[in-house]
Amino acid sequence: MIPYLGIATVMYISMLLEHHQTLVFSKVLCSIAPSTYIIYLFHTTFEGFTKAVIHKIPAFCDTSSEVMFTLGAVVVVFIGIVGPIALHKYVLSRFKITRFMFGLK
């Protein structure tokens, strides 16, 4: 039952966003859309690397601090999205061999 509720929720949110979209929001989504496959493939690599680096920083090692834990989680997720987008934009889409390897046009 839970997966179906999740699907219905995503559909409902998509419908709301479709009716209330702005030009800036549309441009942001259109700029991210070509990178979604690469984000899917590489997000765990970038998140894992970021987690390893964050756990070496003494301020983030304190597990009792909820603020530092939340800040660390936000940084990990942010790098997990932005890292693959940069990889796609500056490396994978520039060379014919990498475009072929990853099925990009």
Protein backbone atom coordinates (compact mmCIF):
# COMPACT_ATOMS: atom_id res chain seq x y z
CA MET A 1 0.00 0.00 0.00
CA ILE A 2 2.83 2.41 0.86
CA PRO A 3 4.41 2.33 -2.65
CA TYR A 4 1.08 3.22 -4.22
CA LEU A 5 0.60 6.11 -1.82
CA GLY A 6 4.09 7.33 -2.72
CA ILE A 7 3.31 7.16 -6.44
CA ALA A 8 0.02 8.99 -5.91
CA THR A 9 1.79 11.65 -3.86
CA VAL A 10 4.41 12.25 -6.56
CA MET A 11 1.67 12.48 -9.19
CA TYR A 12 -0.29 14.97 -7.09
CA ILE A 13 2.78 17.13 -6.41
CA SER A 14 3.64 17.06 -10.13
CA MET A 15 0.13 18.21 -10.96
CA LEU A 16 0.39 21.09 -8.47
CA LEU A 17 3.78 22.14 -9.83
CA GLU A 18 2.47 22.05 -13.39
CA HIS A 19 -0.27 24.55 -12.58
CA HIS A 20 1.91 26.87 -10.48
CA GLN A 21 5.13 26.89 -12.42
CA THR A 22 7.09 30.06 -12.97
CA LEU A 23 9.58 30.82 -15.69
CA VAL A 24 12.55 30.57 -13.32
CA PHE A 25 11.34 27.24 -11.89
CA SER A 26 10.85 25.86 -15.40
CA LYS A 27 14.34 26.94 -16.46
CA VAL A 28 15.88 25.27 -13.42
CA LEU A 29 14.04 22.01 -14.04
CA CYS A 30 14.88 22.09 -17.76
CA SER A 31 18.56 22.60 -16.96
CA ILE A 32 18.58 19.63 -14.56
CA ALA A 33 16.51 17.27 -16.72
CA PRO A 34 19.30 16.13 -19.10
CA SER A 35 21.44 15.13 -16.11
CA THR A 36 18.89 12.91 -14.35
CA TYR A 37 20.31 9.63 -15.64
CA ILE A 38 23.84 10.61 -14.62
CA ILE A 39 22.53 11.74 -11.21
CA TYR A 40 20.90 8.32 -10.84
CA LEU A 41 24.15 6.55 -11.74
CA PHE A 42 26.63 8.62 -9.73
CA HIS A 43 24.79 10.09 -6.73
CA THR A 44 25.94 7.31 -4.39
CA THR A 45 29.58 7.81 -5.40
CA PHE A 46 29.49 11.53 -4.69
CA GLU A 47 27.50 11.09 -1.48
CA GLY A 48 29.86 8.39 -0.22
CA PHE A 49 32.90 10.54 -0.92
CA THR A 50 31.30 13.54 0.78
CA LYS A 51 30.38 11.45 3.82
CA ALA A 52 33.95 10.23 4.11
CA VAL A 53 35.29 13.78 3.96
CA ILE A 54 32.69 15.16 6.39
CA HIS A 55 33.45 12.50 8.99
CA LYS A 56 37.09 13.64 8.98
CA ILE A 57 36.04 17.17 10.03
CA PRO A 58 36.02 17.36 13.85
CA ALA A 59 32.92 19.57 14.07
CA PHE A 60 30.83 16.95 12.27
CA CYS A 61 32.12 14.06 14.39
CA ASP A 62 29.94 15.07 17.35
CA THR A 63 26.96 12.74 16.89
CA SER A 64 25.00 14.31 19.75
CA SER A 65 24.56 17.62 17.91
CA GLU A 66 21.39 17.53 15.83
CA VAL A 67 22.30 20.77 14.06
CA MET A 68 25.63 19.44 12.82
CA PHE A 69 24.05 16.14 11.80
CA THR A 70 21.37 17.99 9.81
CA LEU A 71 23.92 20.31 8.23
CA GLY A 72 26.07 17.33 7.27
CA ALA A 73 23.08 15.52 5.75
CA VAL A 74 22.16 18.59 3.70
CA VAL A 75 25.72 18.92 2.41
CA VAL A 76 25.87 15.21 1.49
CA VAL A 77 22.59 15.33 -0.43
CA PHE A 78 23.52 18.62 -2.11
CA ILE A 79 26.86 17.24 -3.35
CA GLY A 80 25.09 14.02 -4.38
CA ILE A 81 23.01 16.09 -6.80
CA VAL A 82 25.37 18.88 -7.86
CA GLY A 83 28.40 16.59 -8.34
CA PRO A 84 26.82 14.39 -11.03
CA ILE A 85 25.34 17.45 -12.76
CA ALA A 86 28.83 18.98 -13.00
CA LEU A 87 30.23 15.63 -14.15
CA HIS A 88 27.61 15.42 -16.88
CA LYS A 89 27.99 19.03 -17.98
CA TYR A 90 31.79 19.31 -18.01
CA VAL A 91 33.08 15.77 -18.64
CA LEU A 92 30.62 13.19 -19.95
CA SER A 93 28.83 15.28 -22.55
CA ARG A 94 32.03 16.70 -24.08
CA PHE A 95 33.59 13.52 -25.45
CA LYS A 96 32.07 11.16 -28.02
CA ILE A 97 33.29 8.03 -26.25
CA THR A 98 31.72 8.97 -22.89
CA ARG A 99 28.47 10.02 -24.59
CA PHE A 100 28.39 6.60 -26.27
CA MET A 101 29.28 4.72 -23.06
CA PHE A 102 26.49 6.34 -21.07
CA GLY A 103 23.90 6.41 -23.85
CA LEU A 104 23.82 10.18 -24.14
CA LYS A 105 23.02 11.99 -27.36
